[in-house]
Amino acid sequence: MQEKITLVVDYLNKVKTRCTFSAAAEAIGITPQALKKQLGDPRPEVSWFVSPSSGDPMRYSDSEKHPELYRTTRMITSSKVLIRNLDL
């Protein structure tokens, strides 16, 4: 499981695109709550995981967000995108 989480984190940092917790969790095969726990403390490289309603990472200060977090309005909201692009 950790290997898949690392794969998704690396991908989101490469494409610099936000992704909802639910889309990532479904692609990995765990619950959104389990994903949040596995990601650990807030830090820029995991700030790409966001709430679908706000598009923001939850409970992050500005200094904990990736500097390019808002470079695009696009957001991955479907697990199918990650499954297809990462061959999960």
C-alpha atoms as a PDB file:
ATOM      1  CA  MET A   1       0.000   0.000   0.000  1.00  0.00           C
ATOM      2  CA  GLN A   2       2.766   2.467   0.915  1.00  0.00           C
ATOM      3  CA  GLU A   3       4.326   1.895  -2.504  1.00  0.00           C
ATOM      4  CA  LYS A   4       1.083   2.979  -4.201  1.00  0.00           C
ATOM      5  CA  ILE A   5       0.780   6.031  -1.940  1.00  0.00           C
ATOM      6  CA  THR A   6       4.351   7.050  -2.806  1.00  0.00           C
ATOM      7  CA  LEU A   7       3.585   6.545  -6.493  1.00  0.00           C
ATOM      8  CA  VAL A   8       0.540   8.858  -6.281  1.00  0.00           C
ATOM      9  CA  VAL A   9       2.397  11.491  -4.217  1.00  0.00           C
ATOM     10  CA  ASP A  10       5.290  11.502  -6.697  1.00  0.00           C
ATOM     11  CA  TYR A  11       2.881  11.755  -9.635  1.00  0.00           C
ATOM     12  CA  LEU A  12       0.966  14.701  -8.155  1.00  0.00           C
ATOM     13  CA  ASN A  13       4.220  16.523  -7.439  1.00  0.00           C
ATOM     14  CA  LYS A  14       5.381  15.882 -11.011  1.00  0.00           C
ATOM     15  CA  VAL A  15       2.185  17.091 -12.695  1.00  0.00           C
ATOM     16  CA  LYS A  16       1.554  19.754 -10.021  1.00  0.00           C
ATOM     17  CA  THR A  17      -2.162  19.051  -9.924  1.00  0.00           C
ATOM     18  CA  ARG A  18      -4.469  18.819  -6.930  1.00  0.00           C
ATOM     19  CA  CYS A  19      -6.380  15.608  -6.283  1.00  0.00           C
ATOM     20  CA  THR A  20      -9.271  14.845  -3.970  1.00  0.00           C
ATOM     21  CA  PHE A  21      -8.649  12.480  -1.069  1.00  0.00           C
ATOM     22  CA  SER A  22     -11.505  10.268  -2.222  1.00  0.00           C
ATOM     23  CA  ALA A  23     -10.165   9.869  -5.778  1.00  0.00           C
ATOM     24  CA  ALA A  24      -6.673   8.982  -4.547  1.00  0.00           C
ATOM     25  CA  ALA A  25      -7.934   6.651  -1.830  1.00  0.00           C
ATOM     26  CA  GLU A  26     -10.211   4.785  -4.235  1.00  0.00           C
ATOM     27  CA  ALA A  27      -7.366   4.366  -6.741  1.00  0.00           C
ATOM     28  CA  ILE A  28      -5.090   3.002  -4.007  1.00  0.00           C
ATOM     29  CA  GLY A  29      -7.812   0.807  -2.508  1.00  0.00           C
ATOM     30  CA  ILE A  30      -8.124   2.347   0.960  1.00  0.00           C
ATOM     31  CA  THR A  31     -10.470   4.772   2.703  1.00  0.00           C
ATOM     32  CA  PRO A  32      -9.859   8.536   2.572  1.00  0.00           C
ATOM     33  CA  GLN A  33      -9.313   8.467   6.352  1.00  0.00           C
ATOM     34  CA  ALA A  34      -6.646   5.769   6.023  1.00  0.00           C
ATOM     35  CA  LEU A  35      -4.922   7.816   3.310  1.00  0.00           C
ATOM     36  CA  LYS A  36      -4.874  10.904   5.526  1.00  0.00           C
ATOM     37  CA  LYS A  37      -3.329   8.862   8.322  1.00  0.00           C
ATOM     38  CA  GLN A  38      -0.688   7.352   6.010  1.00  0.00           C
ATOM     39  CA  LEU A  39       0.311  10.770   4.658  1.00  0.00           C
ATOM     40  CA  GLY A  40       1.184  11.969   8.137  1.00  0.00           C
ATOM     41  CA  ASP A  41       1.899  15.563   9.089  1.00  0.00           C
ATOM     42  CA  PRO A  42       1.070  18.457   6.753  1.00  0.00           C
ATOM     43  CA  ARG A  43       3.909  19.294   4.373  1.00  0.00           C
ATOM     44  CA  PRO A  44       4.161  20.778   0.878  1.00  0.00           C
ATOM     45  CA  GLU A  45       4.688  17.515  -1.026  1.00  0.00           C
ATOM     46  CA  VAL A  46       1.384  16.069   0.235  1.00  0.00           C
ATOM     47  CA  SER A  47      -0.633  19.283   0.125  1.00  0.00           C
ATOM     48  CA  TRP A  48      -1.890  18.236  -3.341  1.00  0.00           C
ATOM     49  CA  PHE A  49      -4.553  16.115  -1.600  1.00  0.00           C
ATOM     50  CA  VAL A  50      -7.545  18.380  -1.165  1.00  0.00           C
ATOM     51  CA  SER A  51     -11.189  18.629  -0.204  1.00  0.00           C
ATOM     52  CA  PRO A  52     -13.507  18.462  -3.243  1.00  0.00           C
ATOM     53  CA  SER A  53     -15.675  21.316  -2.016  1.00  0.00           C
ATOM     54  CA  SER A  54     -12.952  23.878  -1.292  1.00  0.00           C
ATOM     55  CA  GLY A  55     -10.087  22.621  -3.453  1.00  0.00           C
ATOM     56  CA  ASP A  56      -7.796  23.251  -0.486  1.00  0.00           C
ATOM     57  CA  PRO A  57      -5.806  20.870   1.668  1.00  0.00           C
ATOM     58  CA  MET A  58      -7.497  20.526   5.039  1.00  0.00           C
ATOM     59  CA  ARG A  59      -5.885  22.099   8.116  1.00  0.00           C
ATOM     60  CA  TYR A  60      -2.783  23.379   6.305  1.00  0.00           C
ATOM     61  CA  SER A  61      -1.141  26.707   7.015  1.00  0.00           C
ATOM     62  CA  ASP A  62       0.116  28.683   4.032  1.00  0.00           C
ATOM     63  CA  SER A  63       3.710  27.673   4.817  1.00  0.00           C
ATOM     64  CA  GLU A  64       2.738  23.975   4.653  1.00  0.00           C
ATOM     65  CA  LYS A  65       1.212  24.265   1.155  1.00  0.00           C
ATOM     66  CA  HIS A  66       3.209  23.624  -2.000  1.00  0.00           C
ATOM     67  CA  PRO A  67       4.174  26.963  -3.602  1.00  0.00           C
ATOM     68  CA  GLU A  68       2.557  25.918  -6.905  1.00  0.00           C
ATOM     69  CA  LEU A  69      -0.621  24.466  -5.393  1.00  0.00           C
ATOM     70  CA  TYR A  70      -2.896  26.959  -7.162  1.00  0.00           C
ATOM     71  CA  ARG A  71      -1.037  27.214 -10.482  1.00  0.00           C
ATOM     72  CA  THR A  72      -4.054  25.636 -12.194  1.00  0.00           C
ATOM     73  CA  THR A  73      -7.729  25.275 -11.401  1.00  0.00           C
ATOM     74  CA  ARG A  74      -7.690  21.667 -12.597  1.00  0.00           C
ATOM     75  CA  MET A  75      -8.222  18.990  -9.994  1.00  0.00           C
ATOM     76  CA  ILE A  76      -8.300  15.197 -10.248  1.00  0.00           C
ATOM     77  CA  THR A  77     -11.678  14.101  -8.912  1.00  0.00           C
ATOM     78  CA  SER A  78     -11.907  10.591 -10.349  1.00  0.00           C
ATOM     79  CA  SER A  79      -9.874   7.558  -9.364  1.00  0.00           C
ATOM     80  CA  LYS A  80      -9.997   6.493 -13.014  1.00  0.00           C
ATOM     81  CA  VAL A  81      -7.474   9.198 -13.917  1.00  0.00           C
ATOM     82  CA  LEU A  82      -4.908   7.893 -11.438  1.00  0.00           C
ATOM     83  CA  ILE A  83      -5.602   4.254 -12.277  1.00  0.00           C
ATOM     84  CA  ARG A  84      -5.098   4.974 -15.970  1.00  0.00           C
ATOM     85  CA  ASN A  85      -2.073   7.252 -15.658  1.00  0.00           C
ATOM     86  CA  LEU A  86      -0.260   5.188 -13.022  1.00  0.00           C
ATOM     87  CA  ASP A  87      -1.386   1.695 -14.090  1.00  0.00           C
ATOM     88  CA  LEU A  88      -2.737   0.980 -10.582  1.00  0.00           C
END
